[in-house]
C-alpha atoms as a PDB file:
ATOM      1  CA  MET A   1       5.996  -0.072  16.488  1.00  0.00           C
ATOM      2  CA  LEU A   2       3.166  -0.961  18.836  1.00  0.00           C
ATOM      3  CA  PRO A   3       3.540  -4.402  20.450  1.00  0.00           C
ATOM      4  CA  ASP A   4       0.176  -5.714  19.253  1.00  0.00           C
ATOM      5  CA  VAL A   5       0.938  -4.702  15.667  1.00  0.00           C
ATOM      6  CA  GLN A   6       4.468  -6.104  15.787  1.00  0.00           C
ATOM      7  CA  GLY A   7       3.299  -9.664  16.282  1.00  0.00           C
ATOM      8  CA  LEU A   8       0.807  -9.497  13.393  1.00  0.00           C
ATOM      9  CA  ARG A   9       2.807  -7.478  10.859  1.00  0.00           C
ATOM     10  CA  TRP A  10       4.648 -10.195   8.958  1.00  0.00           C
ATOM     11  CA  GLY A  11       1.660 -12.547   8.865  1.00  0.00           C
ATOM     12  CA  LEU A  12      -0.682  -9.887   7.459  1.00  0.00           C
ATOM     13  CA  LEU A  13       1.872  -8.694   4.918  1.00  0.00           C
ATOM     14  CA  LEU A  14       2.542 -12.270   3.817  1.00  0.00           C
ATOM     15  CA  ILE A  15      -1.177 -12.944   3.264  1.00  0.00           C
ATOM     16  CA  LEU A  16      -1.569  -9.766   1.188  1.00  0.00           C
ATOM     17  CA  LEU A  17       1.564 -10.557  -0.808  1.00  0.00           C
ATOM     18  CA  LEU A  18       0.296 -14.058  -1.606  1.00  0.00           C
ATOM     19  CA  LEU A  19      -3.020 -12.548  -2.725  1.00  0.00           C
ATOM     20  CA  ALA A  20      -1.085 -10.282  -5.078  1.00  0.00           C
ATOM     21  CA  VAL A  21       0.747 -13.324  -6.469  1.00  0.00           C
ATOM     22  CA  PHE A  22      -2.337 -15.467  -7.079  1.00  0.00           C
ATOM     23  CA  LEU A  23      -4.931 -12.855  -8.038  1.00  0.00           C
ATOM     24  CA  ALA A  24      -4.033 -12.435 -11.714  1.00  0.00           C
ATOM     25  CA  PRO A  25      -3.719 -16.194 -12.481  1.00  0.00           C
ATOM     26  CA  LEU A  26      -6.996 -16.974 -10.701  1.00  0.00           C
ATOM     27  CA  PHE A  27      -8.930 -14.342 -12.664  1.00  0.00           C
ATOM     28  CA  GLY A  28      -7.462 -15.022 -16.078  1.00  0.00           C
ATOM     29  CA  GLY A  29      -4.843 -12.299 -16.284  1.00  0.00           C
ATOM     30  CA  SER A  30      -7.325  -9.529 -17.163  1.00  0.00           C
ATOM     31  CA  THR A  31      -6.254  -5.895 -17.022  1.00  0.00           C
ATOM     32  CA  LEU A  32      -8.422  -5.329 -13.930  1.00  0.00           C
ATOM     33  CA  ALA A  33      -6.898  -8.345 -12.158  1.00  0.00           C
ATOM     34  CA  GLU A  34      -3.401  -7.131 -13.048  1.00  0.00           C
ATOM     35  CA  LEU A  35      -4.160  -3.662 -11.679  1.00  0.00           C
ATOM     36  CA  ILE A  36      -5.557  -5.049  -8.423  1.00  0.00           C
ATOM     37  CA  SER A  37      -2.576  -7.395  -8.123  1.00  0.00           C
ATOM     38  CA  LEU A  38      -0.162  -4.504  -8.652  1.00  0.00           C
ATOM     39  CA  ALA A  39      -2.106  -2.337  -6.194  1.00  0.00           C
ATOM     40  CA  LEU A  40      -1.893  -5.054  -3.522  1.00  0.00           C
ATOM     41  CA  PHE A  41       1.790  -5.600  -4.185  1.00  0.00           C
ATOM     42  CA  GLU A  42       2.587  -1.894  -4.004  1.00  0.00           C
ATOM     43  CA  PHE A  43       0.510  -1.548  -0.837  1.00  0.00           C
ATOM     44  CA  VAL A  44       2.496  -4.378   0.763  1.00  0.00           C
ATOM     45  CA  VAL A  45       5.797  -2.768  -0.214  1.00  0.00           C
ATOM     46  CA  VAL A  46       4.782   0.582   1.265  1.00  0.00           C
ATOM     47  CA  ALA A  47       3.321  -1.112   4.358  1.00  0.00           C
ATOM     48  CA  ALA A  48       6.621  -2.921   4.920  1.00  0.00           C
ATOM     49  CA  LEU A  49       8.258   0.505   5.005  1.00  0.00           C
ATOM     50  CA  ILE A  50       5.773   2.516   7.044  1.00  0.00           C
ATOM     51  CA  THR A  51       4.971  -0.085   9.710  1.00  0.00           C
ATOM     52  CA  SER A  52       8.397   0.703  11.126  1.00  0.00           C
ATOM     53  CA  VAL A  53       7.392   4.376  11.406  1.00  0.00           C
ATOM     54  CA  THR A  54       5.832   5.299  14.737  1.00  0.00           C
ATOM     55  CA  HIS A  55       4.570   8.844  14.061  1.00  0.00           C
ATOM     56  CA  THR A  56       1.358   9.611  12.164  1.00  0.00           C
ATOM     57  CA  ARG A  57       2.905  12.117   9.751  1.00  0.00           C
ATOM     58  CA  GLY A  58       5.303   9.508   8.408  1.00  0.00           C
ATOM     59  CA  ARG A  59       2.470   7.064   7.806  1.00  0.00           C
ATOM     60  CA  ILE A  60       0.412   9.714   6.000  1.00  0.00           C
ATOM     61  CA  ILE A  61       3.392  10.453   3.781  1.00  0.00           C
ATOM     62  CA  GLY A  62       3.709   6.734   3.116  1.00  0.00           C
ATOM     63  CA  ALA A  63       0.048   6.526   2.093  1.00  0.00           C
ATOM     64  CA  VAL A  64       0.497   9.455  -0.303  1.00  0.00           C
ATOM     65  CA  VAL A  65       3.599   7.845  -1.809  1.00  0.00           C
ATOM     66  CA  ALA A  66       1.650   4.595  -2.290  1.00  0.00           C
ATOM     67  CA  ALA A  67      -1.138   6.457  -4.122  1.00  0.00           C
ATOM     68  CA  LEU A  68       1.378   8.257  -6.361  1.00  0.00           C
ATOM     69  CA  TRP A  69       3.197   5.023  -7.135  1.00  0.00           C
ATOM     70  CA  PHE A  70      -0.007   3.256  -8.127  1.00  0.00           C
ATOM     71  CA  ALA A  71      -1.137   6.233 -10.242  1.00  0.00           C
ATOM     72  CA  ALA A  72       2.216   6.188 -12.047  1.00  0.00           C
ATOM     73  CA  THR A  73       1.890   2.425 -12.596  1.00  0.00           C
ATOM     74  CA  VAL A  74      -1.557   2.845 -14.162  1.00  0.00           C
ATOM     75  CA  ALA A  75      -0.229   5.666 -16.347  1.00  0.00           C
ATOM     76  CA  ALA A  76       2.643   3.415 -17.477  1.00  0.00           C
ATOM     77  CA  LEU A  77       0.155   0.793 -18.633  1.00  0.00           C
ATOM     78  CA  LEU A  78      -1.454   3.440 -20.836  1.00  0.00           C
ATOM     79  CA  ALA A  79       1.653   5.306 -21.997  1.00  0.00           C
ATOM     80  CA  ASP A  80       4.925   3.604 -22.847  1.00  0.00           C
ATOM     81  CA  ALA A  81       6.863   6.786 -22.088  1.00  0.00           C
ATOM     82  CA  MET A  82       6.137   6.312 -18.368  1.00  0.00           C
ATOM     83  CA  HIS A  83       7.837   2.918 -18.090  1.00  0.00           C
ATOM     84  CA  GLY A  84      11.281   4.337 -17.329  1.00  0.00           C
ATOM     85  CA  PHE A  85       9.985   6.573 -14.542  1.00  0.00           C
ATOM     86  CA  VAL A  86       7.903   3.789 -12.996  1.00  0.00           C
ATOM     87  CA  ALA A  87      10.839   1.391 -13.177  1.00  0.00           C
ATOM     88  CA  ALA A  88      13.087   3.841 -11.301  1.00  0.00           C
ATOM     89  CA  PHE A  89      10.356   4.640  -8.749  1.00  0.00           C
ATOM     90  CA  SER A  90       9.669   0.940  -8.213  1.00  0.00           C
ATOM     91  CA  ALA A  91      13.372   0.163  -7.806  1.00  0.00           C
ATOM     92  CA  VAL A  92      13.713   2.736  -5.019  1.00  0.00           C
ATOM     93  CA  MET A  93      10.578   1.548  -3.215  1.00  0.00           C
ATOM     94  CA  LEU A  94      11.463  -2.127  -3.489  1.00  0.00           C
ATOM     95  CA  ALA A  95      15.043  -1.570  -2.359  1.00  0.00           C
ATOM     96  CA  GLY A  96      13.769   0.337   0.671  1.00  0.00           C
ATOM     97  CA  ALA A  97      11.228  -2.368   1.564  1.00  0.00           C
ATOM     98  CA  LEU A  98      13.812  -5.136   1.232  1.00  0.00           C
ATOM     99  CA  LEU A  99      16.360  -3.256   3.335  1.00  0.00           C
ATOM    100  CA  VAL A 100      13.819  -2.557   6.099  1.00  0.00           C
ATOM    101  CA  THR A 101      12.629  -6.177   6.065  1.00  0.00           C
ATOM    102  CA  PHE A 102      16.128  -7.650   6.174  1.00  0.00           C
ATOM    103  CA  TYR A 103      17.294  -5.184   8.836  1.00  0.00           C
ATOM    104  CA  ASN A 104      14.347  -5.979  11.093  1.00  0.00           C
ATOM    105  CA  LEU A 105      14.864  -9.718  10.724  1.00  0.00           C
ATOM    106  CA  LEU A 106      18.642  -9.709  11.159  1.00  0.00           C
ATOM    107  CA  ASP A 107      18.412  -7.308  14.113  1.00  0.00           C
ATOM    108  CA  ARG A 108      16.344  -9.745  16.166  1.00  0.00           C
ATOM    109  CA  GLU A 109      17.970 -11.226  19.234  1.00  0.00           C
ATOM    110  CA  ALA A 110      15.951 -14.446  19.057  1.00  0.00           C
ATOM    111  CA  GLY A 111      14.411 -16.523  16.315  1.00  0.00           C
ATOM    112  CA  ASP A 112      10.708 -17.339  16.640  1.00  0.00           C
ATOM    113  CA  LEU A 113       7.623 -18.026  14.526  1.00  0.00           C
ATOM    114  CA  ASP A 114       7.180 -14.336  13.720  1.00  0.00           C
ATOM    115  CA  ALA A 115      10.773 -14.170  12.449  1.00  0.00           C
ATOM    116  CA  LEU A 116      10.217 -17.248  10.298  1.00  0.00           C
ATOM    117  CA  ILE A 117       7.046 -15.749   8.767  1.00  0.00           C
ATOM    118  CA  GLY A 118       8.988 -12.557   8.139  1.00  0.00           C
ATOM    119  CA  ALA A 119      11.713 -14.539   6.386  1.00  0.00           C
ATOM    120  CA  VAL A 120       9.117 -16.193   4.119  1.00  0.00           C
ATOM    121  CA  PHE A 121       7.639 -12.755   3.392  1.00  0.00           C
ATOM    122  CA  GLY A 122      11.086 -11.412   2.496  1.00  0.00           C
ATOM    123  CA  TYR A 123      11.736 -14.385   0.208  1.00  0.00           C
ATOM    124  CA  ILE A 124       8.512 -13.933  -1.755  1.00  0.00           C
ATOM    125  CA  LEU A 125       9.074 -10.169  -1.822  1.00  0.00           C
ATOM    126  CA  LEU A 126      12.420 -10.870  -3.498  1.00  0.00           C
ATOM    127  CA  ALA A 127      10.654 -12.982  -6.123  1.00  0.00           C
ATOM    128  CA  MET A 128       8.081 -10.246  -6.784  1.00  0.00           C
ATOM    129  CA  THR A 129      10.847  -7.642  -7.009  1.00  0.00           C
ATOM    130  CA  TRP A 130      12.617  -9.644  -9.685  1.00  0.00           C
ATOM    131  CA  ALA A 131       9.311 -10.269 -11.463  1.00  0.00           C
ATOM    132  CA  MET A 132       8.762  -6.520 -11.787  1.00  0.00           C
ATOM    133  CA  LEU A 133      12.305  -6.179 -13.107  1.00  0.00           C
ATOM    134  CA  PHE A 134      11.657  -8.928 -15.677  1.00  0.00           C
ATOM    135  CA  VAL A 135       8.448  -7.168 -16.751  1.00  0.00           C
ATOM    136  CA  GLN A 136      10.379  -3.953 -17.358  1.00  0.00           C
ATOM    137  CA  ILE A 137      13.048  -5.818 -19.330  1.00  0.00           C
ATOM    138  CA  GLU A 138      10.395  -7.424 -21.538  1.00  0.00           C
ATOM    139  CA  ARG A 139       8.617  -4.101 -22.089  1.00  0.00           C
ATOM    140  CA  TRP A 140      11.837  -2.281 -22.931  1.00  0.00           C
ATOM    141  CA  HIS A 141      13.082  -5.096 -25.199  1.00  0.00           C
ATOM    142  CA  PRO A 142      10.167  -7.270 -26.429  1.00  0.00           C
ATOM    143  CA  GLY A 143      11.290 -10.834 -27.037  1.00  0.00           C
ATOM    144  CA  SER A 144      13.724 -10.917 -24.115  1.00  0.00           C
ATOM    145  CA  PHE A 145      11.814 -13.956 -22.803  1.00  0.00           C
ATOM    146  CA  GLU A 146      10.289 -16.913 -24.604  1.00  0.00           C
ATOM    147  CA  PHE A 147       6.795 -17.762 -23.314  1.00  0.00           C
ATOM    148  CA  PRO A 148       4.302 -20.563 -23.951  1.00  0.00           C
ATOM    149  CA  LEU A 149       1.362 -19.574 -26.160  1.00  0.00           C
ATOM    150  CA  ASP A 150      -1.374 -17.390 -24.626  1.00  0.00           C
ATOM    151  CA  SER A 151       0.722 -16.508 -21.582  1.00  0.00           C
ATOM    152  CA  ASP A 152      -0.062 -13.503 -19.413  1.00  0.00           C
ATOM    153  CA  LEU A 153       3.039 -11.343 -18.971  1.00  0.00           C
ATOM    154  CA  TRP A 154       2.665 -10.399 -15.293  1.00  0.00           C
ATOM    155  CA  SER A 155       1.644 -13.785 -13.871  1.00  0.00           C
ATOM    156  CA  SER A 156       4.069 -15.642 -16.162  1.00  0.00           C
ATOM    157  CA  LEU A 157       7.023 -13.591 -14.976  1.00  0.00           C
ATOM    158  CA  ILE A 158       6.011 -13.961 -11.321  1.00  0.00           C
ATOM    159  CA  TYR A 159       6.057 -17.716 -11.919  1.00  0.00           C
ATOM    160  CA  PHE A 160       9.397 -17.504 -13.747  1.00  0.00           C
ATOM    161  CA  SER A 161      10.848 -15.431 -10.922  1.00  0.00           C
ATOM    162  CA  LEU A 162       9.718 -17.925  -8.278  1.00  0.00           C
ATOM    163  CA  ILE A 163      11.196 -20.940 -10.046  1.00  0.00           C
ATOM    164  CA  THR A 164      14.403 -19.008 -10.731  1.00  0.00           C
ATOM    165  CA  LEU A 165      14.760 -17.861  -7.125  1.00  0.00           C
ATOM    166  CA  THR A 166      14.353 -21.424  -5.912  1.00  0.00           C
ATOM    167  CA  THR A 167      16.740 -22.645  -8.685  1.00  0.00           C
ATOM    168  CA  LEU A 168      14.022 -25.063  -9.845  1.00  0.00           C
ATOM    169  CA  GLY A 169      13.992 -23.912 -13.462  1.00  0.00           C
ATOM    170  CA  TYR A 170      11.424 -25.974 -15.386  1.00  0.00           C
ATOM    171  CA  GLY A 171      12.515 -24.422 -18.678  1.00  0.00           C
ATOM    172  CA  ASP A 172       9.032 -23.605 -20.006  1.00  0.00           C
ATOM    173  CA  ILE A 173       9.875 -19.878 -19.890  1.00  0.00           C
ATOM    174  CA  LEU A 174      13.337 -18.991 -21.146  1.00  0.00           C
ATOM    175  CA  PRO A 175      15.408 -15.797 -20.922  1.00  0.00           C
ATOM    176  CA  ILE A 176      16.632 -15.102 -24.454  1.00  0.00           C
ATOM    177  CA  ALA A 177      18.297 -11.675 -24.380  1.00  0.00           C
ATOM    178  CA  PRO A 178      21.701 -11.417 -22.632  1.00  0.00           C
ATOM    179  CA  VAL A 179      20.414  -8.930 -20.036  1.00  0.00           C
ATOM    180  CA  ALA A 180      17.492 -11.242 -19.231  1.00  0.00           C
ATOM    181  CA  ARG A 181      19.840 -14.213 -18.797  1.00  0.00           C
ATOM    182  CA  LEU A 182      22.234 -12.334 -16.544  1.00  0.00           C
ATOM    183  CA  THR A 183      19.375 -10.941 -14.440  1.00  0.00           C
ATOM    184  CA  ALA A 184      17.868 -14.416 -14.010  1.00  0.00           C
ATOM    185  CA  GLY A 185      21.270 -15.830 -13.064  1.00  0.00           C
ATOM    186  CA  LEU A 186      21.758 -13.104 -10.477  1.00  0.00           C
ATOM    187  CA  GLU A 187      18.346 -13.871  -8.976  1.00  0.00           C
ATOM    188  CA  ALA A 188      19.298 -17.538  -8.589  1.00  0.00           C
ATOM    189  CA  VAL A 189      22.487 -16.522  -6.743  1.00  0.00           C
ATOM    190  CA  VAL A 190      20.550 -14.160  -4.457  1.00  0.00           C
ATOM    191  CA  GLY A 191      18.012 -16.903  -3.705  1.00  0.00           C
ATOM    192  CA  VAL A 192      20.716 -19.290  -2.525  1.00  0.00           C
ATOM    193  CA  LEU A 193      22.415 -16.593  -0.434  1.00  0.00           C
ATOM    194  CA  TYR A 194      19.104 -15.575   1.129  1.00  0.00           C
ATOM    195  CA  ILE A 195      18.423 -19.097   2.368  1.00  0.00           C
ATOM    196  CA  ALA A 196      21.961 -19.441   3.685  1.00  0.00           C
ATOM    197  CA  VAL A 197      22.126 -16.060   5.452  1.00  0.00           C
ATOM    198  CA  MET A 198      18.564 -15.297   6.558  1.00  0.00           C
ATOM    199  CA  ILE A 199      17.363 -18.763   7.512  1.00  0.00           C
ATOM    200  CA  GLY A 200      20.767 -19.567   8.984  1.00  0.00           C
ATOM    201  CA  ASN A 201      20.552 -16.468  11.158  1.00  0.00           C
ATOM    202  CA  ILE A 202      17.037 -17.307  12.395  1.00  0.00           C
ATOM    203  CA  VAL A 203      18.005 -20.898  13.205  1.00  0.00           C
ATOM    204  CA  GLY A 204      21.165 -19.694  14.937  1.00  0.00           C
ATOM    205  CA  THR A 205      19.346 -17.188  17.152  1.00  0.00           C
ATOM    206  CA  TYR A 206      16.682 -19.802  17.959  1.00  0.00           C
ATOM    207  CA  ARG A 207      19.351 -22.241  19.115  1.00  0.00           C
ATOM    208  CA  ARG A 208      20.972 -19.576  21.278  1.00  0.00           C
ATOM    209  CA  ARG A 209      17.597 -18.841  22.884  1.00  0.00           C
ATOM    210  CA  VAL A 210      16.983 -22.536  23.549  1.00  0.00           C
ATOM    211  CA  ASN A 211      20.441 -22.939  25.076  1.00  0.00           C
ATOM    212  CA  LYS A 212      19.721 -20.108  27.519  1.00  0.00           C
ATOM    213  CA  LEU A 213      16.561 -21.800  28.806  1.00  0.00           C
END
């Protein structure tokens, strides 16, 4: 990782991830907005993986994987038979991005603003990961969630994932099926653990750095 890129990585990825979150709601949840939102999200996931790669060949491979992932996602929107493949592909990519993000943050010797931005990025990435999982659950078993009238699936489940991760839980969207309930409960547990472990680690390393000054 080049030094000048290192300092900007988490901030740029966070901005793109927030664009992916807000794009569909701002433009009415149209199919085009959903596709662009998914494309941004998938780009961010792949970028989180390949920015840790220093050689050009690895980054080219990452770009190809991103294109294949997005093509498979578009195909899944048109053909229900592709949902299982896309779900498995997405799970592997998201797990890799989360592991790389968490490893890079926990491996730091000192907490700073860049680490804090990275922690926020990781937190929202967790919410988006669960949102994609909720979407797959709803597509596999329609009726797994209860929505308000005229709700857009993608943006509604991003919202539901965010309020579940933060344990806010307004109750306007409800998990109905057992698998949906258990998945939402697990997300709430992970959200609490993330704050305790990740933020605790950053604060702890920051204090150690201050004490050395």
